[in-house]
């Protein structure tokens, strides 16, 4: 049996090796000979162009065919020239003394390759040519366009026969090599098969001895053991399948629960995002409102302080000339208007205060002197100085109006700087020069919401009675006594801040921080320069 198996393997190997050998036998020399007889013939395009009248070729077809012919010959001529050189080499070798057939193997192979390429180029040119012709014209052509020409050279037959003989000898040599190779492979495979049979036979013999030792003396004993083992395996597989099915069911339930949990989390996430967005919006709105409240509170505090200064210092705002004390004061105050003399020097004595506070006071006084013909002598040490400035913190920034300062005992201040706030210090110096609060200008037309004002100032923390609110905020200066006063200037530094809700939104002043153009012109008018 072993020898039979080896023989089969050897036959299969020989058959496998014989297949490529048969293909090599087909006719390579004949093919080379055929191409040799064809290669120098006129092309199929030349054949068609020579019969242009018979085929009724149009001018455009002729132009296309001639272009194609040029392209084809440009591709073909280098190959023909190379093949001619190789054939001359072959002829030279055959004409030389001695047999040099074996040395020409590579040259012949290259000639065969060139012939194949030349044939392929002719085929492509013929296909391109047929694409230019009409179906009717194609019908007039011969069935074969590849055999239109005779051999190139009548003397080439002997050379071609020599080439054929050399190729045939080369093929015979190849066959001999292939047969010898097949025999060597078959012998090798036979040796391998014998070794394999030995390697397999020994373990099988050992296995048979082992089975006998185990009490397996016949095939039926072996079959019984195998059946019992198979039943045991089937039982185990059944149990495993049941366990797997149960696990699959539990896994499905778990996946369903996980999907439900994921959906719940997604919904919760969306709701949380919406809630966060809503919370952020509410926080932003709350912060905006708190900011507005703080701004309003700051403005209200400033207004209250400003109004408190008015009620504390000026008293009833309806100042009448007769309220100014002393005839000498009126003389120095230019009549009944409480103004200082034009060009008068007003001595300013500080009653405390650090250098920084005094510097701000000096700057504000100098700002007014740019436009008023009045000179402030800052830092005077005279006890009877006309302007005496205290720096009592928490008492607000205030001042008496005009020459009313002369009626105040020299031991008391006529102006206080409770906070370093440049705008309110500018306003205080405006009072010193005789200007009143702009909202009490007799020519002012402010659309007050009196009920809102009484309600706000009458409640905590001010708790002002209506009389105080009216006198401080709502009552204008006497129209007759202040007939000389300017037109209402809401941009004046003397203007008290007025929130919009005190006028039902019809008028509002946030707080002016510098002299307006109206301030500059008016102070220059009442204190003109020479």
Protein backbone atom coordinates (compact mmCIF):
# COMPACT_ATOMS: atom_id res chain seq x y z
CA UNK A 1 0.00 0.00 0.00
CA UNK A 2 2.84 2.39 0.88
CA UNK A 3 4.50 1.82 -2.50
CA UNK A 4 1.20 2.43 -4.26
CA UNK A 5 0.79 5.78 -2.43
CA UNK A 6 4.30 6.82 -3.35
CA UNK A 7 3.64 5.92 -6.99
CA UNK A 8 0.46 8.05 -7.04
CA UNK A 9 2.32 11.05 -5.58
CA UNK A 10 5.05 10.69 -8.19
CA UNK A 11 2.53 10.48 -11.04
CA UNK A 12 0.72 13.60 -9.82
CA UNK A 13 3.99 15.53 -9.60
CA UNK A 14 5.02 14.39 -13.09
CA UNK A 15 1.66 15.44 -14.49
CA UNK A 16 1.94 18.84 -12.82
CA UNK A 17 5.38 19.37 -14.30
CA UNK A 18 4.32 18.07 -17.71
CA UNK A 19 1.56 20.71 -18.09
CA UNK A 20 3.90 23.75 -18.46
CA UNK A 21 6.13 21.62 -20.68
CA UNK A 22 3.25 20.96 -23.07
CA UNK A 23 2.52 24.72 -23.22
CA UNK A 24 6.13 25.38 -24.03
CA UNK A 25 5.80 22.88 -26.90
CA UNK A 26 2.95 24.72 -28.55
CA UNK A 27 4.81 26.56 -31.39
CA UNK A 28 7.07 29.44 -30.32
CA UNK A 29 9.32 29.02 -33.34
CA UNK A 30 6.37 29.02 -35.69
CA UNK A 31 5.07 32.21 -34.09
CA UNK A 32 8.43 33.91 -34.47
CA UNK A 33 8.56 32.79 -38.09
CA UNK A 34 5.09 34.15 -38.77
CA UNK A 35 5.95 37.52 -37.26
CA UNK A 36 9.21 37.61 -39.18
CA UNK A 37 7.38 37.16 -42.47
CA UNK A 38 4.96 39.93 -41.56
CA UNK A 39 6.93 42.57 -39.71
CA UNK A 40 8.17 44.68 -42.65
CA UNK A 41 4.92 44.59 -44.61
CA UNK A 42 2.94 47.79 -45.27
CA UNK A 43 0.47 48.50 -42.48
CA UNK A 44 -3.26 47.97 -42.72
CA UNK A 45 -3.62 51.77 -42.70
CA UNK A 46 -1.45 51.98 -45.84
CA UNK A 47 -3.69 49.35 -47.41
CA UNK A 48 -6.84 51.40 -46.69
CA UNK A 49 -5.28 54.72 -47.79
CA UNK A 50 -4.20 53.11 -51.07
CA UNK A 51 -7.90 52.28 -51.70
CA UNK A 52 -9.35 55.62 -50.63
CA UNK A 53 -11.31 56.06 -53.82
CA UNK A 54 -12.78 52.56 -53.74
CA UNK A 55 -13.78 53.00 -50.10
CA UNK A 56 -15.13 56.56 -50.72
CA UNK A 57 -13.09 58.00 -47.83
CA UNK A 58 -13.98 61.55 -46.82
CA UNK A 59 -11.34 64.25 -46.44
CA UNK A 60 -11.70 64.13 -42.65
CA UNK A 61 -11.28 60.31 -42.63
CA UNK A 62 -8.17 60.60 -44.80
CA UNK A 63 -6.71 63.22 -42.43
CA UNK A 64 -7.43 61.04 -39.37
CA UNK A 65 -5.98 57.93 -41.05
CA UNK A 66 -2.80 59.74 -42.10
CA UNK A 67 -2.33 61.10 -38.54
CA UNK A 68 -2.88 57.59 -37.16
CA UNK A 69 -0.41 56.14 -39.69
CA UNK A 70 2.27 58.66 -38.67
CA UNK A 71 1.72 57.88 -34.99
CA UNK A 72 1.81 54.11 -35.69
CA UNK A 73 5.05 54.26 -37.70
CA UNK A 74 6.74 56.51 -35.10
CA UNK A 75 6.00 53.79 -32.57
CA UNK A 76 6.90 50.88 -34.87
CA UNK A 77 10.09 52.00 -36.66
CA UNK A 78 12.40 52.01 -33.56
CA UNK A 79 11.31 48.43 -32.79
CA UNK A 80 11.87 47.34 -36.41
CA UNK A 81 15.29 48.94 -36.42
CA UNK A 82 16.26 47.22 -33.16
CA UNK A 83 15.03 43.89 -34.46
CA UNK A 84 17.00 44.35 -37.73
CA UNK A 85 20.18 44.90 -35.73
CA UNK A 86 19.54 41.76 -33.67
CA UNK A 87 18.87 39.69 -36.79
CA UNK A 88 22.13 40.94 -38.28
CA UNK A 89 23.86 39.76 -35.08
CA UNK A 90 22.28 36.32 -35.55
CA UNK A 91 23.34 36.21 -39.22
CA UNK A 92 26.90 37.19 -38.24
CA UNK A 93 27.05 34.39 -35.67
CA UNK A 94 25.78 31.78 -38.13
CA UNK A 95 28.22 32.91 -40.80
CA UNK A 96 31.14 32.75 -38.36
CA UNK A 97 33.12 29.47 -37.95
CA UNK A 98 31.96 27.10 -35.24
CA UNK A 99 28.51 26.43 -33.72
CA UNK A 100 27.41 29.34 -31.56
CA UNK A 101 23.74 28.41 -31.26
CA UNK A 102 23.82 28.18 -27.49
CA UNK A 103 25.17 31.76 -27.20
CA UNK A 104 22.26 33.15 -29.26
CA UNK A 105 19.51 32.10 -26.80
CA UNK A 106 19.00 35.58 -25.24
CA UNK A 107 19.17 37.30 -28.65
CA UNK A 108 16.54 34.99 -30.13
CA UNK A 109 14.31 35.54 -27.10
CA UNK A 110 14.58 39.31 -27.55
CA UNK A 111 13.74 39.01 -31.28
CA UNK A 112 10.68 36.96 -30.34
CA UNK A 113 9.62 39.68 -27.83
CA UNK A 114 10.10 42.44 -30.41
CA UNK A 115 8.02 40.49 -32.95
CA UNK A 116 5.22 40.16 -30.39
CA UNK A 117 5.29 43.90 -29.67
CA UNK A 118 5.32 44.72 -33.39
CA UNK A 119 2.33 42.44 -33.94
CA UNK A 120 0.48 44.05 -31.02
CA UNK A 121 1.19 47.53 -32.39
CA UNK A 122 -0.19 46.49 -35.79
CA UNK A 123 -3.28 45.08 -34.11
CA UNK A 124 -3.91 48.29 -32.17
CA UNK A 125 -3.40 50.41 -35.28
CA UNK A 126 -5.90 48.21 -37.16
CA UNK A 127 -8.47 48.59 -34.33
CA UNK A 128 -8.02 52.39 -34.29
CA UNK A 129 -8.31 52.45 -38.09
CA UNK A 130 -11.56 50.48 -38.04
CA UNK A 131 -13.00 52.95 -35.54
CA UNK A 132 -12.55 55.71 -38.14
CA UNK A 133 -14.31 53.79 -40.95
CA UNK A 134 -18.08 53.41 -41.34
CA UNK A 135 -19.80 49.99 -41.19
CA UNK A 136 -20.32 50.06 -44.99
CA UNK A 137 -16.65 50.78 -45.57
CA UNK A 138 -15.62 47.96 -43.22
CA UNK A 139 -17.68 45.51 -45.26
CA UNK A 140 -15.48 46.29 -48.32
CA UNK A 141 -12.28 45.32 -46.48
CA UNK A 142 -10.78 41.76 -46.61
CA UNK A 143 -11.60 39.50 -43.69
CA UNK A 144 -7.90 39.43 -42.68
CA UNK A 145 -5.71 42.53 -42.84
CA UNK A 146 -2.72 40.87 -41.15
CA UNK A 147 -1.41 38.97 -44.24
CA UNK A 148 -1.38 41.79 -46.78
CA UNK A 149 2.37 41.95 -47.46
CA UNK A 150 5.11 39.63 -48.68
CA UNK A 151 8.41 39.10 -46.81
CA UNK A 152 10.75 42.07 -46.74
CA UNK A 153 13.67 40.48 -48.39
CA UNK A 154 13.74 37.47 -50.75
CA UNK A 155 17.09 36.52 -49.28
CA UNK A 156 15.70 36.49 -45.70
CA UNK A 157 14.29 32.92 -46.01
CA UNK A 158 17.54 31.14 -45.26
CA UNK A 159 18.18 33.29 -42.19
CA UNK A 160 14.67 32.74 -40.94
CA UNK A 161 15.07 28.96 -41.33
CA UNK A 162 18.28 29.16 -39.34
CA UNK A 163 16.47 31.10 -36.60
CA UNK A 164 13.65 28.51 -36.62
CA UNK A 165 16.13 25.67 -36.31
CA UNK A 166 17.89 27.42 -33.41
CA UNK A 167 14.60 28.03 -31.64
CA UNK A 168 13.53 24.39 -32.18
CA UNK A 169 16.85 23.18 -30.72
CA UNK A 170 16.33 25.55 -27.77
CA UNK A 171 12.84 24.13 -27.21
CA UNK A 172 14.20 20.57 -27.37
CA UNK A 173 16.82 21.44 -24.77
CA UNK A 174 14.14 22.95 -22.56
CA UNK A 175 12.05 19.74 -22.83
CA UNK A 176 15.03 17.60 -21.86
CA UNK A 177 15.70 19.79 -18.79
CA UNK A 178 12.03 19.62 -17.80
CA UNK A 179 11.94 15.81 -18.08
CA UNK A 180 15.07 15.45 -16.00
CA UNK A 181 13.67 17.88 -13.43
CA UNK A 182 10.40 15.91 -13.27
CA UNK A 183 12.26 12.67 -12.67
CA UNK A 184 14.32 14.25 -9.87
CA UNK A 185 11.20 15.65 -8.20
CA UNK A 186 9.40 12.28 -8.49
CA UNK A 187 12.35 10.50 -6.84
CA UNK A 188 12.40 13.13 -4.08
CA UNK A 189 8.66 12.80 -3.46
CA UNK A 190 8.99 9.00 -3.33
CA UNK A 191 11.66 9.27 -0.65
CA UNK A 192 9.48 11.71 1.32
CA UNK A 193 6.48 9.37 1.04
CA UNK A 194 8.48 6.43 2.42
CA UNK A 195 9.72 8.52 5.33
CA UNK A 196 6.18 9.76 5.99
CA UNK A 197 4.83 6.18 5.97
CA UNK A 198 7.43 5.18 8.54
CA UNK A 199 6.65 8.19 10.74
CA UNK A 200 2.92 7.44 10.62
CA UNK A 201 3.17 3.65 10.93
CA UNK A 202 5.26 3.63 14.11
CA UNK A 203 2.84 5.82 16.15
CA UNK A 204 -0.11 3.76 14.90
CA UNK A 205 1.59 0.56 16.11
CA UNK A 206 2.29 2.13 19.50
CA UNK A 207 -1.34 3.29 19.70
CA UNK A 208 -2.58 -0.25 18.98
CA UNK A 209 -0.42 -1.65 21.80
CA UNK A 210 -1.72 1.02 24.19
CA UNK A 211 -5.35 0.26 23.32
CA UNK A 212 -4.73 -3.43 23.95
CA UNK A 213 -3.31 -2.66 27.36
CA UNK A 214 -6.50 -0.72 28.15
CA UNK A 215 -8.66 -3.73 27.37
CA UNK A 216 -9.78 -2.58 23.93
CA UNK A 217 -9.36 -5.74 21.97
CA UNK A 218 -11.91 -5.22 19.21
CA UNK A 219 -13.59 -2.50 17.22
CA UNK A 220 -16.84 -3.02 19.15
CA UNK A 221 -15.06 -2.28 22.44
CA UNK A 222 -13.61 0.87 20.93
CA UNK A 223 -17.00 1.89 19.51
CA UNK A 224 -18.65 1.41 22.92
CA UNK A 225 -16.10 3.60 24.64
CA UNK A 226 -16.42 6.22 21.92
CA UNK A 227 -20.24 6.14 22.20
CA UNK A 228 -20.12 6.58 25.98
CA UNK A 229 -17.72 9.46 25.58
CA UNK A 230 -19.96 11.00 22.90
CA UNK A 231 -23.04 10.70 25.15
CA UNK A 232 -21.14 12.37 27.96
CA UNK A 233 -20.08 15.17 25.64
CA UNK A 234 -23.66 15.58 24.31
CA UNK A 235 -24.97 15.86 27.89
CA UNK A 236 -22.37 18.44 28.75
CA UNK A 237 -23.15 20.37 25.56
CA UNK A 238 -26.87 20.30 26.37
CA UNK A 239 -26.21 21.67 29.84
CA UNK A 240 -23.90 24.29 28.39
CA UNK A 241 -26.55 25.32 25.84
CA UNK A 242 -29.14 25.68 28.60
CA UNK A 243 -26.76 27.76 30.69
CA UNK A 244 -25.89 29.88 27.66
CA UNK A 245 -29.59 30.43 26.82
CA UNK A 246 -30.28 31.48 30.41
CA UNK A 247 -27.29 33.81 30.34
CA UNK A 248 -28.51 35.27 27.05
CA UNK A 249 -31.95 35.95 28.58
CA UNK A 250 -30.38 37.63 31.60
CA UNK A 251 -28.10 39.64 29.35
CA UNK A 252 -31.09 40.78 27.28
CA UNK A 253 -32.91 41.88 30.45
CA UNK A 254 -29.77 43.68 31.58
CA UNK A 255 -29.42 45.43 28.20
CA UNK A 256 -33.09 46.46 28.34
CA UNK A 257 -32.57 47.88 31.83
CA UNK A 258 -29.43 49.66 30.70
CA UNK A 259 -31.26 51.14 27.71
CA UNK A 260 -34.04 52.38 30.00
CA UNK A 261 -31.46 53.83 32.36
CA UNK A 262 -29.64 55.49 29.48
CA UNK A 263 -32.89 57.02 28.19
CA UNK A 264 -33.69 58.26 31.68
CA UNK A 265 -30.21 59.76 32.02
CA UNK A 266 -30.51 61.46 28.63
CA UNK A 267 -33.86 62.96 29.61
CA UNK A 268 -32.49 63.99 32.99
CA UNK A 269 -29.46 65.51 31.29
CA UNK A 270 -31.69 67.54 28.94
CA UNK A 271 -33.88 68.68 31.82
CA UNK A 272 -30.80 69.58 33.88
CA UNK A 273 -29.33 71.56 30.97
CA UNK A 274 -32.62 73.42 30.54
CA UNK A 275 -32.78 74.07 34.28
CA UNK A 276 -29.19 75.30 34.30
CA UNK A 277 -29.89 77.62 31.39
CA UNK A 278 -33.00 78.93 33.14
CA UNK A 279 -31.06 79.36 36.39
CA UNK A 280 -28.28 81.23 34.60
CA UNK A 281 -30.83 83.48 32.95
CA UNK A 282 -32.49 84.17 36.30
CA UNK A 283 -29.11 84.83 37.92
CA UNK A 284 -28.16 87.22 35.13
CA UNK A 285 -31.47 89.03 35.48
CA UNK A 286 -31.08 89.12 39.27
CA UNK A 287 -27.55 90.48 38.99
CA UNK A 288 -28.79 93.13 36.57
CA UNK A 289 -31.56 94.10 38.93
CA UNK A 290 -29.21 94.16 41.92
CA UNK A 291 -26.84 96.33 39.91
CA UNK A 292 -29.70 98.67 39.03
CA UNK A 293 -30.79 98.72 42.67
CA UNK A 294 -27.26 99.52 43.79
CA UNK A 295 -26.96 102.24 41.19
CA UNK A 296 -30.30 103.65 42.25
CA UNK A 297 -29.28 103.35 45.89
CA UNK A 298 -26.02 105.18 45.21
CA UNK A 299 -27.84 107.89 43.28
CA UNK A 300 -30.53 108.14 45.95
CA UNK A 301 -27.88 108.44 48.68
CA UNK A 302 -26.20 111.26 46.77
CA UNK A 303 -29.51 112.99 46.22
CA UNK A 304 -30.47 112.68 49.89
CA UNK A 305 -27.08 113.97 51.00
CA UNK A 306 -27.38 116.85 48.57
CA UNK A 307 -30.85 117.64 49.78
CA UNK A 308 -29.81 117.30 53.42
CA UNK A 309 -27.06 119.86 52.83
CA UNK A 310 -29.63 122.22 51.35
CA UNK A 311 -31.97 121.93 54.30
CA UNK A 312 -29.16 122.14 56.83
CA UNK A 313 -27.29 125.10 55.37
CA UNK A 314 -29.52 127.18 53.19
CA UNK A 315 -32.74 126.66 55.10
CA UNK A 316 -35.81 127.61 53.08
CA UNK A 317 -34.55 127.88 49.54
CA UNK A 318 -36.75 130.89 48.83
CA UNK A 319 -33.94 133.24 49.77
CA UNK A 320 -35.01 136.83 50.08
CA UNK A 321 -32.57 139.71 50.16
CA UNK A 322 -33.83 140.79 53.56
CA UNK A 323 -32.71 137.45 55.03
CA UNK A 324 -29.06 138.45 54.57
CA UNK A 325 -27.73 139.87 57.84
CA UNK A 326 -26.14 143.29 58.18
CA UNK A 327 -26.14 146.41 56.03
CA UNK A 328 -22.38 146.20 55.48
CA UNK A 329 -22.81 142.73 54.03
CA UNK A 330 -25.29 143.95 51.46
CA UNK A 331 -22.93 146.72 50.49
CA UNK A 332 -20.12 144.27 49.84
CA UNK A 333 -22.51 141.86 48.12
CA UNK A 334 -23.50 144.19 45.35
CA UNK A 335 -26.93 145.09 46.39
CA UNK A 336 -29.67 142.61 46.93
CA UNK A 337 -28.31 139.65 44.94
CA UNK A 338 -25.82 138.41 47.56
CA UNK A 339 -22.92 138.54 45.08
CA UNK A 340 -19.34 139.46 45.88
CA UNK A 341 -17.71 142.55 44.45
CA UNK A 342 -16.27 142.18 40.94
CA UNK A 343 -12.56 141.41 41.17
CA UNK A 344 -12.78 140.86 44.95
CA UNK A 345 -10.16 138.67 46.65
CA UNK A 346 -11.74 136.05 48.90
CA UNK A 347 -9.39 134.68 51.53
CA UNK A 348 -9.74 130.92 52.05
CA UNK A 349 -8.65 129.46 55.38
CA UNK A 350 -8.49 125.69 55.94
CA UNK A 351 -9.87 124.44 59.25
CA UNK A 352 -8.17 121.05 59.09
CA UNK A 353 -7.81 118.61 56.21
CA UNK A 354 -4.77 116.81 54.80
CA UNK A 355 -2.68 117.88 51.83
CA UNK A 356 -4.56 115.65 49.38
CA UNK A 357 -7.97 117.09 50.33
CA UNK A 358 -6.63 120.67 50.23
CA UNK A 359 -5.17 120.02 46.76
CA UNK A 360 -8.59 118.98 45.40
CA UNK A 361 -10.23 122.07 46.99
CA UNK A 362 -7.58 124.32 45.40
CA UNK A 363 -8.17 122.69 41.97
CA UNK A 364 -11.95 123.27 42.17
CA UNK A 365 -11.54 126.91 43.23
CA UNK A 366 -9.12 127.54 40.36
CA UNK A 367 -11.62 126.01 37.89
CA UNK A 368 -14.18 128.71 38.79
CA UNK A 369 -11.51 131.48 38.67
CA UNK A 370 -10.92 130.66 34.96
CA UNK A 371 -14.28 132.26 34.15
CA UNK A 372 -15.24 134.51 37.14
CA UNK A 373 -13.50 137.81 37.93
CA UNK A 374 -13.01 136.75 41.55
CA UNK A 375 -9.75 135.68 43.20
CA UNK A 376 -9.55 132.94 45.85
CA UNK A 377 -6.51 133.35 48.12
CA UNK A 378 -6.06 129.70 49.09
CA UNK A 379 -4.36 128.87 52.39
CA UNK A 380 -4.86 132.20 54.15
CA UNK A 381 -4.10 132.22 57.87
CA UNK A 382 -6.37 135.18 58.65
CA UNK A 383 -8.90 134.31 61.31
CA UNK A 384 -11.50 136.58 59.67
CA UNK A 385 -11.04 135.03 56.23
CA UNK A 386 -14.25 135.27 54.20
CA UNK A 387 -14.19 131.55 53.25
CA UNK A 388 -13.48 129.08 56.06
CA UNK A 389 -13.46 125.41 55.02
CA UNK A 390 -13.80 122.50 57.46
CA UNK A 391 -13.15 118.84 56.67
CA UNK A 392 -15.66 117.08 58.93
CA UNK A 393 -16.20 113.55 57.59
CA UNK A 394 -19.76 112.27 57.58
CA UNK A 395 -21.16 115.82 57.44
CA UNK A 396 -21.46 115.99 53.66
CA UNK A 397 -20.13 118.58 51.19
CA UNK A 398 -21.98 121.89 51.60
CA UNK A 399 -21.55 125.68 51.56
CA UNK A 400 -23.45 128.87 52.26
CA UNK A 401 -24.72 130.95 49.33
CA UNK A 402 -22.79 134.08 48.29
CA UNK A 403 -22.31 136.87 50.82
CA UNK A 404 -24.38 134.93 53.34
CA UNK A 405 -20.94 133.68 54.41
CA UNK A 406 -20.26 137.08 56.01
CA UNK A 407 -23.08 136.56 58.51
CA UNK A 408 -21.52 133.39 59.95
CA UNK A 409 -19.29 133.76 63.05
CA UNK A 410 -15.60 133.63 62.17
CA UNK A 411 -15.12 130.63 64.46
CA UNK A 412 -17.45 128.53 62.29
CA UNK A 413 -16.93 127.17 58.77
CA UNK A 414 -18.95 128.44 55.81
CA UNK A 415 -18.11 125.33 53.74
CA UNK A 416 -17.48 121.68 54.61
CA UNK A 417 -15.71 118.92 52.63
CA UNK A 418 -16.86 115.65 54.17
CA UNK A 419 -15.75 113.56 51.17
CA UNK A 420 -13.21 114.08 48.41
CA UNK A 421 -15.74 114.27 45.58
CA UNK A 422 -14.72 116.80 42.96
CA UNK A 423 -18.17 117.39 41.46
CA UNK A 424 -19.78 118.24 44.82
CA UNK A 425 -16.81 120.47 45.78
CA UNK A 426 -17.25 122.35 42.48
CA UNK A 427 -20.93 122.77 43.39
CA UNK A 428 -20.02 124.06 46.87
CA UNK A 429 -17.79 126.76 45.34
CA UNK A 430 -20.69 127.62 43.02
CA UNK A 431 -22.78 128.30 46.15
CA UNK A 432 -19.93 130.41 47.56
CA UNK A 433 -20.09 132.57 44.40
CA UNK A 434 -23.85 133.07 44.81
CA UNK A 435 -25.35 130.28 42.65
CA UNK A 436 -28.35 128.30 43.91
CA UNK A 437 -29.34 124.66 43.26
CA UNK A 438 -30.35 124.48 39.62
CA UNK A 439 -33.52 122.46 40.27
CA UNK A 440 -34.77 125.47 42.32
CA UNK A 441 -34.14 127.90 39.46
CA UNK A 442 -37.40 129.89 39.17
CA UNK A 443 -37.30 129.22 35.42
CA UNK A 444 -37.02 125.43 35.83
CA UNK A 445 -39.90 123.33 34.52
CA UNK A 446 -39.38 119.86 35.99
CA UNK A 447 -42.43 117.50 35.69
CA UNK A 448 -42.29 116.17 39.27
CA UNK A 449 -44.28 113.12 40.39
CA UNK A 450 -44.96 114.58 43.83
CA UNK A 451 -46.69 111.51 45.21
CA UNK A 452 -43.71 109.28 44.34
CA UNK A 453 -41.32 111.79 45.95
CA UNK A 454 -43.37 112.16 49.15
CA UNK A 455 -43.70 108.36 49.39
CA UNK A 456 -39.95 107.72 48.96
CA UNK A 457 -38.51 110.57 51.09
CA UNK A 458 -41.26 110.27 53.67
CA UNK A 459 -40.42 106.61 54.34
CA UNK A 460 -37.37 104.97 55.97
CA UNK A 461 -34.60 105.82 56.38
CA UNK A 462 -35.29 109.57 55.80
CA UNK A 463 -38.83 109.90 57.26
CA UNK A 464 -39.02 113.51 56.11
CA UNK A 465 -42.30 115.37 56.66
CA UNK A 466 -44.00 116.77 53.58
CA UNK A 467 -43.04 120.34 54.53
CA UNK A 468 -39.36 119.46 54.46
CA UNK A 469 -39.67 117.62 51.13
CA UNK A 470 -41.59 120.49 49.61
CA UNK A 471 -39.19 123.19 50.84
CA UNK A 472 -36.08 121.24 49.91
CA UNK A 473 -36.98 119.76 46.56
CA UNK A 474 -40.25 121.06 45.14
CA UNK A 475 -40.14 124.78 45.98
CA UNK A 476 -38.40 127.13 43.55
CA UNK A 477 -36.56 130.33 44.46
CA UNK A 478 -38.64 133.50 44.44
CA UNK A 479 -39.25 134.55 40.88
CA UNK A 480 -39.17 138.28 41.64
CA UNK A 481 -36.08 138.16 43.81
CA UNK A 482 -34.19 136.03 41.25
CA UNK A 483 -35.48 137.71 38.12
CA UNK A 484 -31.84 138.35 37.19
CA UNK A 485 -31.04 134.61 37.25
CA UNK A 486 -30.22 132.61 34.13
CA UNK A 487 -32.44 130.21 32.13
CA UNK A 488 -32.75 126.66 33.46
CA UNK A 489 -29.60 124.57 32.67
CA UNK A 490 -30.08 120.82 33.35
CA UNK A 491 -26.40 120.23 32.46
CA UNK A 492 -25.13 122.59 35.17
CA UNK A 493 -22.83 121.30 37.91
CA UNK A 494 -25.33 122.97 40.30
CA UNK A 495 -28.03 120.48 39.20
CA UNK A 496 -29.16 117.96 41.82
CA UNK A 497 -29.42 114.38 40.47
CA UNK A 498 -33.03 113.44 39.71
CA UNK A 499 -33.99 109.78 39.12
CA UNK A 500 -36.52 109.03 36.41
CA UNK A 501 -39.13 107.58 38.75
CA UNK A 502 -39.43 110.99 40.49
CA UNK A 503 -40.84 112.37 37.22
CA UNK A 504 -42.69 109.25 35.98
CA UNK A 505 -39.90 108.80 33.43
CA UNK A 506 -40.40 112.21 31.82
CA UNK A 507 -37.15 113.79 33.05
CA UNK A 508 -33.90 112.45 34.50
CA UNK A 509 -30.45 113.72 35.47
CA UNK A 510 -27.81 111.19 36.57
CA UNK A 511 -25.42 113.73 38.04
CA UNK A 512 -23.18 116.32 36.33
CA UNK A 513 -19.47 116.27 37.17
CA UNK A 514 -18.08 119.41 35.54
CA UNK A 515 -18.96 123.00 34.73
CA UNK A 516 -21.37 123.25 31.82
CA UNK A 517 -21.08 125.85 29.09
CA UNK A 518 -24.04 127.58 30.77
CA UNK A 519 -22.12 127.67 34.09
CA UNK A 520 -19.08 129.26 32.43
CA UNK A 521 -21.10 131.93 30.60
CA UNK A 522 -23.32 132.79 33.57
CA UNK A 523 -20.48 133.15 36.11
CA UNK A 524 -18.57 135.28 33.60
CA UNK A 525 -21.66 137.45 33.21
CA UNK A 526 -22.18 138.15 36.92
CA UNK A 527 -18.43 138.52 37.57
CA UNK A 528 -17.29 140.15 34.33
CA UNK A 529 -13.69 141.00 33.57
CA UNK A 530 -12.74 144.58 32.78
